[in-house]
Amino acid sequence: MPFGASKIIRQLLEDRSQWTDFRAQDLGMLLTGIVAQAAEGRTELVHHAAPLFNFLNESYTTESGLFCDTATGYRRRFASFAAQTVLAFACYSYGEFDGDAEAIELANACVRRLIALQGRQGEWPWLFDAERGEVVDFYEVYSVHQYGMAPALLEIAERHNVEGARDALVRGFTWILGENQLKRSMLLPPLQMSYRSQVRQSEMHARSRGMFRAVANAYLDRKAQLISPAKLALRAECRSYELGWILWSFGERSDLPQLTQNLVFSRALR
């Protein structure tokens, strides 16, 4: 790790008054990174692992099983799918490393709720009201969640006997192969890229309307629904980290040939 980055991380970890500023993904990646380093014998930061997990448990958990996005503040209850994935993954990592059954169960509870909220064609919703444990906006539905983040999390959940984890993984992945609302493959073999998401046409260039909708759904106790495919569009972007996620999630897997050996991938190599 570059010295400058290492110095900043140490300062963040040592000044616990700053921890309340952590977004869910900040906290989850820090905890996961510390555990990963410790597992490889680099233990200089491992003494922060237990306090970080305790902070996570005290400040980001809910009775619904979903995680909050922040420790305090007005947007605490509004947490994305990525926030759920990163914090649940961190709990699994810490729980397995330290033998902490409570951490494992926090992750399991989150995964069970996510599976219950998965869309009818395998969509992983974008935004949740963590306090109610409900979806407040399905869109955008991101390809990286379908083929990268969710599979990484669900592989561990399956190891911990979470019912439905493998089926949810497969349903989510086949979404990108064309079993989705637009009936379009999200993969572009000639370019070795993928479409970023399926998004509301009216919100292709502005997300403020979506945030107002999410807040209204939360405070009016409403559940978000999928909308008509006629009102959706493809976001024609691809970011490098998205392709990294699919490689990380499936690079060493051989137990899902119906996914990893799909013809769309072999065509990309021709």
Protein backbone atom coordinates (compact mmCIF):
# COMPACT_ATOMS: atom_id res chain seq x y z
CA MET A 1 0.00 0.00 0.00
CA PRO A 2 1.40 3.48 -0.85
CA PHE A 3 2.71 5.29 2.23
CA GLY A 4 0.36 8.24 1.76
CA ALA A 5 -2.73 6.04 1.63
CA SER A 6 -1.54 4.00 4.60
CA LYS A 7 -1.01 7.16 6.63
CA ILE A 8 -4.52 8.46 5.92
CA ILE A 9 -6.09 5.11 6.83
CA ARG A 10 -4.18 4.96 10.10
CA GLN A 11 -5.32 8.47 11.00
CA LEU A 12 -8.94 7.56 10.27
CA LEU A 13 -8.76 4.43 12.37
CA GLU A 14 -7.00 6.03 15.32
CA ASP A 15 -9.36 9.01 15.58
CA ARG A 16 -12.65 7.37 16.49
CA SER A 17 -14.43 10.70 16.58
CA GLN A 18 -14.31 10.55 12.76
CA TRP A 19 -16.01 7.18 12.56
CA THR A 20 -19.48 8.72 12.68
CA ASP A 21 -18.70 10.28 9.29
CA PHE A 22 -18.23 6.88 7.65
CA ARG A 23 -20.66 5.91 4.95
CA ALA A 24 -21.54 2.22 4.91
CA GLN A 25 -19.10 1.41 2.13
CA ASP A 26 -16.26 3.25 3.86
CA LEU A 27 -16.75 1.24 7.03
CA GLY A 28 -17.25 -2.06 5.27
CA MET A 29 -14.19 -1.75 3.07
CA LEU A 30 -11.99 -0.72 5.99
CA LEU A 31 -13.07 -3.71 8.06
CA THR A 32 -12.79 -6.12 5.14
CA GLY A 33 -9.35 -4.77 4.24
CA ILE A 34 -8.02 -5.07 7.78
CA VAL A 35 -9.20 -8.67 8.03
CA ALA A 36 -7.79 -9.54 4.59
CA GLN A 37 -4.40 -8.14 5.54
CA ALA A 38 -4.40 -9.94 8.88
CA ALA A 39 -5.22 -13.22 7.17
CA GLU A 40 -2.03 -12.77 5.12
CA GLY A 41 0.06 -12.07 8.22
CA ARG A 42 0.00 -8.26 8.15
CA THR A 43 -1.44 -7.63 11.59
CA GLU A 44 -0.42 -4.02 12.26
CA LEU A 45 -4.04 -2.82 11.99
CA VAL A 46 -5.88 -5.89 13.28
CA HIS A 47 -6.44 -4.35 16.72
CA HIS A 48 -8.94 -2.02 15.02
CA ALA A 49 -11.07 -4.88 13.68
CA ALA A 50 -13.13 -5.62 16.80
CA PRO A 51 -13.85 -1.92 17.58
CA LEU A 52 -14.88 -1.35 13.95
CA PHE A 53 -17.22 -4.33 14.01
CA ASN A 54 -18.71 -3.20 17.33
CA PHE A 55 -19.29 0.26 15.85
CA LEU A 56 -20.95 -1.31 12.82
CA ASN A 57 -23.16 -3.45 15.03
CA GLU A 58 -24.18 -0.54 17.25
CA SER A 59 -24.68 2.14 14.59
CA TYR A 60 -25.59 0.55 11.24
CA THR A 61 -27.85 -2.41 12.01
CA THR A 62 -31.66 -2.50 12.12
CA GLU A 63 -34.35 -4.92 13.19
CA SER A 64 -35.22 -5.50 9.52
CA GLY A 65 -31.85 -7.10 8.85
CA LEU A 66 -30.80 -4.41 6.39
CA PHE A 67 -27.94 -2.04 7.12
CA CYS A 68 -28.10 1.74 7.31
CA ASP A 69 -25.97 4.01 5.14
CA THR A 70 -24.67 6.26 7.92
CA ALA A 71 -24.40 6.22 11.69
CA THR A 72 -26.48 9.39 12.10
CA GLY A 73 -28.33 11.97 10.04
CA TYR A 74 -31.34 12.31 7.79
CA ARG A 75 -30.16 9.88 5.13
CA ARG A 76 -29.21 7.14 7.59
CA ARG A 77 -32.16 4.90 6.70
CA PHE A 78 -31.70 5.26 2.92
CA ALA A 79 -29.12 2.66 1.95
CA SER A 80 -28.18 1.33 -1.47
CA PHE A 81 -27.70 -2.25 -2.58
CA ALA A 82 -23.95 -1.63 -2.58
CA ALA A 83 -24.13 -0.54 1.06
CA GLN A 84 -25.88 -3.81 1.95
CA THR A 85 -23.35 -5.87 0.02
CA VAL A 86 -20.25 -4.23 1.43
CA LEU A 87 -21.37 -4.29 5.07
CA ALA A 88 -22.66 -7.86 4.88
CA PHE A 89 -19.42 -8.95 3.23
CA ALA A 90 -17.47 -7.20 6.00
CA CYS A 91 -19.50 -9.03 8.64
CA TYR A 92 -18.82 -12.36 6.96
CA SER A 93 -15.12 -11.57 6.69
CA TYR A 94 -14.80 -10.52 10.31
CA GLY A 95 -17.00 -13.35 11.58
CA GLU A 96 -15.00 -16.02 9.77
CA PHE A 97 -11.68 -14.49 10.82
CA ASP A 98 -12.56 -14.04 14.48
CA GLY A 99 -15.02 -16.89 14.91
CA ASP A 100 -17.73 -14.36 15.75
CA ALA A 101 -21.14 -15.99 15.30
CA GLU A 102 -22.98 -12.69 15.82
CA ALA A 103 -21.19 -11.14 12.85
CA ILE A 104 -22.11 -14.11 10.66
CA GLU A 105 -25.75 -13.88 11.70
CA LEU A 106 -25.88 -10.14 10.92
CA ALA A 107 -24.69 -10.91 7.40
CA ASN A 108 -27.09 -13.85 7.06
CA ALA A 109 -30.03 -11.69 8.16
CA CYS A 110 -29.15 -9.04 5.60
CA VAL A 111 -28.87 -11.60 2.80
CA ARG A 112 -32.17 -13.23 3.73
CA ARG A 113 -33.93 -9.88 3.51
CA LEU A 114 -32.26 -9.00 0.21
CA ILE A 115 -33.38 -12.31 -1.28
CA ALA A 116 -36.94 -11.62 -0.10
CA LEU A 117 -36.84 -8.24 -1.86
CA GLN A 118 -35.30 -9.41 -5.14
CA GLY A 119 -37.40 -8.52 -8.18
CA ARG A 120 -39.47 -11.05 -10.06
CA GLN A 121 -36.87 -11.31 -12.85
CA GLY A 122 -33.90 -11.33 -10.52
CA GLU A 123 -33.46 -7.57 -10.25
CA TRP A 124 -31.51 -6.34 -7.25
CA PRO A 125 -33.18 -3.08 -6.15
CA TRP A 126 -31.11 0.07 -5.96
CA LEU A 127 -32.35 1.80 -2.80
CA PHE A 128 -33.84 0.58 0.47
CA ASP A 129 -35.46 2.01 3.57
CA ALA A 130 -33.34 0.05 6.03
CA GLU A 131 -35.55 0.80 9.02
CA ARG A 132 -38.63 -0.74 7.38
CA GLY A 133 -36.67 -3.31 5.42
CA GLU A 134 -38.40 -2.33 2.18
CA VAL A 135 -37.49 -1.15 -1.32
CA VAL A 136 -38.05 2.57 -1.89
CA ASP A 137 -36.74 2.61 -5.48
CA PHE A 138 -35.84 -0.27 -7.80
CA TYR A 139 -34.00 1.91 -10.31
CA GLU A 140 -31.44 2.08 -11.54
CA VAL A 141 -30.93 -1.68 -11.80
CA TYR A 142 -27.16 -1.98 -12.19
CA SER A 143 -25.40 -4.76 -14.09
CA VAL A 144 -22.51 -4.76 -11.63
CA HIS A 145 -24.90 -5.65 -8.82
CA GLN A 146 -26.29 -8.52 -10.88
CA TYR A 147 -23.03 -10.11 -12.05
CA GLY A 148 -20.54 -8.88 -9.47
CA MET A 149 -21.54 -7.68 -6.04
CA ALA A 150 -24.47 -10.01 -5.42
CA PRO A 151 -22.63 -13.16 -6.56
CA ALA A 152 -19.65 -12.35 -4.33
CA LEU A 153 -21.92 -11.99 -1.32
CA LEU A 154 -24.19 -14.91 -2.14
CA GLU A 155 -21.29 -17.32 -2.56
CA ILE A 156 -20.42 -16.75 1.11
CA ALA A 157 -24.08 -16.85 2.13
CA GLU A 158 -24.42 -20.23 0.48
CA ARG A 159 -21.44 -21.43 2.50
CA HIS A 160 -23.32 -20.37 5.62
CA ASN A 161 -26.47 -22.21 4.55
CA VAL A 162 -28.66 -19.22 3.74
CA GLU A 163 -31.69 -20.71 2.03
CA GLY A 164 -32.17 -19.61 -1.56
CA ALA A 165 -28.73 -18.02 -1.93
CA ARG A 166 -27.69 -19.99 -5.02
CA ASP A 167 -31.06 -19.60 -6.75
CA ALA A 168 -30.97 -15.85 -6.11
CA LEU A 169 -27.46 -15.67 -7.57
CA VAL A 170 -28.50 -17.51 -10.73
CA ARG A 171 -31.67 -15.46 -11.18
CA GLY A 172 -29.73 -12.26 -10.74
CA PHE A 173 -27.06 -13.27 -13.21
CA THR A 174 -29.45 -14.43 -15.92
CA TRP A 175 -30.96 -10.93 -15.76
CA ILE A 176 -27.88 -9.66 -17.58
CA LEU A 177 -28.23 -12.39 -20.21
CA GLY A 178 -31.56 -10.97 -21.34
CA GLU A 179 -34.11 -12.23 -18.84
CA ASN A 180 -35.02 -8.70 -17.80
CA GLN A 181 -37.72 -6.13 -18.40
CA LEU A 182 -36.19 -4.88 -21.65
CA LYS A 183 -35.47 -8.42 -22.86
CA ARG A 184 -31.97 -7.22 -23.78
CA SER A 185 -28.62 -8.74 -23.00
CA MET A 186 -26.60 -6.32 -20.91
CA LEU A 187 -23.36 -7.69 -22.37
CA LEU A 188 -21.53 -6.40 -25.45
CA PRO A 189 -19.22 -9.26 -26.56
CA PRO A 190 -17.63 -7.39 -29.52
CA LEU A 191 -16.50 -4.61 -27.14
CA GLN A 192 -15.96 -6.88 -24.12
CA MET A 193 -18.07 -4.47 -22.10
CA SER A 194 -21.48 -4.33 -20.48
CA TYR A 195 -24.29 -1.80 -20.31
CA ARG A 196 -24.20 -0.08 -16.95
CA SER A 197 -27.89 -0.22 -16.03
CA GLN A 198 -31.57 -0.09 -16.85
CA VAL A 199 -32.87 3.31 -15.84
CA ARG A 200 -36.07 5.34 -16.03
CA GLN A 201 -36.06 7.32 -19.28
CA SER A 202 -37.14 10.41 -17.36
CA GLU A 203 -34.16 10.14 -15.03
CA MET A 204 -31.38 9.41 -17.47
CA HIS A 205 -29.71 12.74 -16.71
CA ALA A 206 -31.15 13.70 -13.31
CA ARG A 207 -31.63 11.74 -10.10
CA SER A 208 -33.27 14.33 -7.87
CA ARG A 209 -36.75 13.11 -8.80
CA GLY A 210 -35.77 9.60 -7.75
CA MET A 211 -34.58 10.78 -4.37
CA PHE A 212 -37.85 12.63 -3.75
CA ARG A 213 -39.73 9.47 -4.70
CA ALA A 214 -37.67 7.38 -2.31
CA VAL A 215 -38.21 9.76 0.59
CA ALA A 216 -41.95 9.89 -0.10
CA ASN A 217 -42.16 6.10 -0.25
CA ALA A 218 -40.35 5.80 3.06
CA TYR A 219 -42.38 8.32 5.00
CA LEU A 220 -45.71 7.33 3.45
CA ASP A 221 -44.98 3.68 4.21
CA ARG A 222 -45.13 2.67 0.55
CA LYS A 223 -43.29 -0.12 -1.24
CA ALA A 224 -41.63 0.62 -4.57
CA GLN A 225 -42.70 -1.36 -7.61
CA LEU A 226 -41.19 -2.17 -10.98
CA ILE A 227 -42.50 0.09 -13.74
CA SER A 228 -43.49 -0.55 -17.35
CA PRO A 229 -40.59 -1.57 -19.62
CA ALA A 230 -41.77 1.11 -22.06
CA LYS A 231 -40.54 3.71 -19.57
CA LEU A 232 -37.04 2.24 -19.25
CA ALA A 233 -33.81 2.81 -21.15
CA LEU A 234 -30.31 1.37 -21.24
CA ARG A 235 -27.48 3.42 -19.79
CA ALA A 236 -24.71 2.93 -22.33
CA GLU A 237 -21.73 3.27 -20.02
CA CYS A 238 -19.19 0.78 -18.70
CA ARG A 239 -16.75 1.49 -15.88
CA SER A 240 -13.57 -0.46 -15.27
CA TYR A 241 -14.42 -1.53 -11.72
CA GLU A 242 -17.57 -3.24 -13.00
CA LEU A 243 -15.56 -5.72 -15.06
CA GLY A 244 -13.26 -6.21 -12.09
CA TRP A 245 -16.22 -7.32 -9.98
CA ILE A 246 -17.26 -10.07 -12.40
CA LEU A 247 -13.70 -11.39 -12.58
CA TRP A 248 -13.36 -11.35 -8.80
CA SER A 249 -16.72 -13.03 -8.27
CA PHE A 250 -16.36 -15.79 -10.86
CA GLY A 251 -12.65 -16.10 -11.65
CA GLU A 252 -12.20 -19.17 -9.46
CA ARG A 253 -15.68 -20.69 -9.72
CA SER A 254 -16.35 -23.84 -11.71
CA ASP A 255 -19.61 -24.92 -10.07
CA LEU A 256 -21.93 -22.72 -12.16
CA PRO A 257 -21.20 -23.74 -15.76
CA GLN A 258 -24.64 -22.57 -16.89
CA LEU A 259 -23.38 -19.06 -16.16
CA THR A 260 -19.61 -19.09 -16.63
CA GLN A 261 -19.71 -21.19 -19.81
CA ASN A 262 -22.56 -19.32 -21.45
CA LEU A 263 -21.99 -18.84 -25.17
CA VAL A 264 -21.96 -15.08 -24.81
CA PHE A 265 -18.56 -15.27 -23.12
CA SER A 266 -16.97 -17.61 -25.64
CA ARG A 267 -18.18 -15.39 -28.47
CA ALA A 268 -16.34 -12.48 -26.90
CA LEU A 269 -13.04 -14.33 -27.43
CA ARG A 270 -13.50 -14.94 -31.16
